[in-house]
Amino acid sequence: MAHTLSLFAQTGLAGEFLSGTDGVVKYHEWAAWIILGICAVQITFAALALRSGATSLWLLIGSILVFLAEALQAGTGYGRFLRVHIPLGAVAFAAVTCQTISQFRRSPAMTGSKP
């Protein structure tokens, strides 16, 4: 959930920057590094949850792919490759949102509770 919310906040900072407010670009940069850190923590927790049987392998794989996408996001942001940076940001936000929704919609077998 923190990952999704931080990406949502990042879109607001991006919108402010693209609308001409130059001062928010440093916050957009800091938020990018925070988001990468949150994603690294998410990978760690996904690996632990997979080991205990609380989630599927797809969450771990997806988290690693999102981390790679977000690292590419940082690189394209520094390089000012907006033709890649903006669509990739939308894809990352969609992927993380789907991950969040999937964790709230887990089957009873995954959570260990009875239907």
Protein backbone atom coordinates (compact mmCIF):
# COMPACT_ATOMS: atom_id res chain seq x y z
CA MET A 1 0.00 0.00 0.00
CA ALA A 2 2.86 2.40 0.81
CA HIS A 3 4.36 1.69 -2.59
CA THR A 4 1.12 2.55 -4.38
CA LEU A 5 0.59 5.72 -2.36
CA SER A 6 4.15 6.91 -2.93
CA LEU A 7 3.79 6.39 -6.68
CA PHE A 8 0.50 8.31 -6.58
CA ALA A 9 2.24 11.20 -4.80
CA GLN A 10 5.04 11.03 -7.37
CA THR A 11 2.53 11.63 -10.17
CA GLY A 12 1.41 14.80 -8.42
CA LEU A 13 4.99 16.04 -8.18
CA ALA A 14 5.52 15.19 -11.86
CA GLY A 15 2.40 17.09 -12.82
CA GLU A 16 3.55 20.15 -10.90
CA PHE A 17 6.94 20.02 -12.58
CA LEU A 18 5.45 19.60 -16.06
CA SER A 19 3.10 22.51 -15.44
CA GLY A 20 6.07 24.81 -14.86
CA THR A 21 6.85 24.66 -11.14
CA ASP A 22 10.60 23.99 -11.24
CA GLY A 23 11.07 23.83 -7.47
CA VAL A 24 9.37 20.45 -7.10
CA VAL A 25 11.85 18.61 -9.29
CA LYS A 26 14.16 18.00 -6.30
CA TYR A 27 11.24 16.47 -4.37
CA HIS A 28 10.40 14.35 -7.41
CA GLU A 29 14.00 13.13 -7.40
CA TRP A 30 13.99 12.37 -3.66
CA ALA A 31 10.67 10.59 -3.96
CA ALA A 32 12.13 8.41 -6.72
CA TRP A 33 14.87 7.19 -4.40
CA ILE A 34 12.38 6.60 -1.60
CA ILE A 35 10.18 4.61 -3.97
CA LEU A 36 13.15 2.44 -4.98
CA GLY A 37 13.79 1.80 -1.28
CA ILE A 38 10.16 0.90 -0.67
CA CYS A 39 10.30 -1.49 -3.62
CA ALA A 40 13.45 -3.14 -2.22
CA VAL A 41 11.64 -3.66 1.09
CA GLN A 42 8.65 -5.05 -0.83
CA ILE A 43 10.91 -7.59 -2.54
CA THR A 44 12.28 -8.67 0.83
CA PHE A 45 8.82 -9.09 2.33
CA ALA A 46 7.56 -10.89 -0.79
CA ALA A 47 10.44 -13.35 -0.51
CA LEU A 48 9.70 -13.96 3.17
CA ALA A 49 5.97 -14.33 2.50
CA LEU A 50 6.69 -16.78 -0.33
CA ARG A 51 8.89 -18.81 1.97
CA SER A 52 6.12 -19.04 4.55
CA GLY A 53 3.52 -19.82 1.89
CA ALA A 54 1.56 -16.61 2.43
CA THR A 55 1.84 -15.42 -1.18
CA SER A 56 2.61 -16.64 -4.67
CA LEU A 57 5.81 -16.59 -6.66
CA TRP A 58 4.21 -14.03 -8.99
CA LEU A 59 4.31 -11.30 -6.35
CA LEU A 60 8.06 -11.77 -5.96
CA ILE A 61 8.67 -11.87 -9.71
CA GLY A 62 6.44 -8.86 -10.26
CA SER A 63 8.17 -6.93 -7.48
CA ILE A 64 11.57 -7.57 -9.02
CA LEU A 65 10.31 -6.46 -12.44
CA VAL A 66 8.79 -3.33 -10.92
CA PHE A 67 12.10 -2.58 -9.20
CA LEU A 68 13.90 -2.85 -12.53
CA ALA A 69 11.30 -0.58 -14.15
CA GLU A 70 11.66 1.96 -11.36
CA ALA A 71 15.45 1.90 -11.68
CA LEU A 72 15.01 2.55 -15.39
CA GLN A 73 12.62 5.34 -14.42
CA ALA A 74 15.34 7.02 -12.39
CA GLY A 75 17.81 6.72 -15.24
CA THR A 76 15.43 8.08 -17.85
CA GLY A 77 14.45 10.88 -15.49
CA TYR A 78 18.05 11.99 -15.05
CA GLY A 79 18.58 11.65 -18.80
CA ARG A 80 15.41 13.66 -19.51
CA PHE A 81 14.07 10.91 -21.80
CA LEU A 82 10.46 11.88 -21.21
CA ARG A 83 9.19 9.72 -24.09
CA VAL A 84 10.20 6.70 -22.00
CA HIS A 85 9.98 8.20 -18.52
CA ILE A 86 6.31 9.21 -18.56
CA PRO A 87 4.78 6.03 -20.10
CA LEU A 88 7.01 3.82 -17.95
CA GLY A 89 5.82 5.68 -14.87
CA ALA A 90 2.22 4.96 -15.84
CA VAL A 91 3.03 1.27 -16.36
CA ALA A 92 4.82 1.04 -13.00
CA PHE A 93 1.92 2.72 -11.23
CA ALA A 94 -0.55 0.32 -12.87
CA ALA A 95 1.58 -2.72 -12.00
CA VAL A 96 1.98 -1.74 -8.35
CA THR A 97 -1.72 -0.93 -8.08
CA CYS A 98 -2.56 -4.40 -9.46
CA GLN A 99 -0.16 -5.96 -6.95
CA THR A 100 -1.83 -4.09 -4.10
CA ILE A 101 -5.32 -5.12 -5.22
CA SER A 102 -4.22 -8.74 -5.63
CA GLN A 103 -2.94 -8.82 -2.06
CA PHE A 104 -6.28 -7.63 -0.74
CA ARG A 105 -8.13 -10.19 -2.88
CA ARG A 106 -6.07 -13.25 -1.91
CA SER A 107 -7.85 -16.54 -1.75
CA PRO A 108 -8.63 -18.05 1.68
CA ALA A 109 -6.16 -20.85 0.95
CA MET A 110 -3.34 -18.32 0.76
CA THR A 111 -4.25 -16.57 4.01
CA GLY A 112 -4.68 -19.77 5.96
CA SER A 113 -8.28 -19.00 6.98
CA LYS A 114 -11.31 -21.10 6.19
CA PRO A 115 -13.95 -19.87 3.71
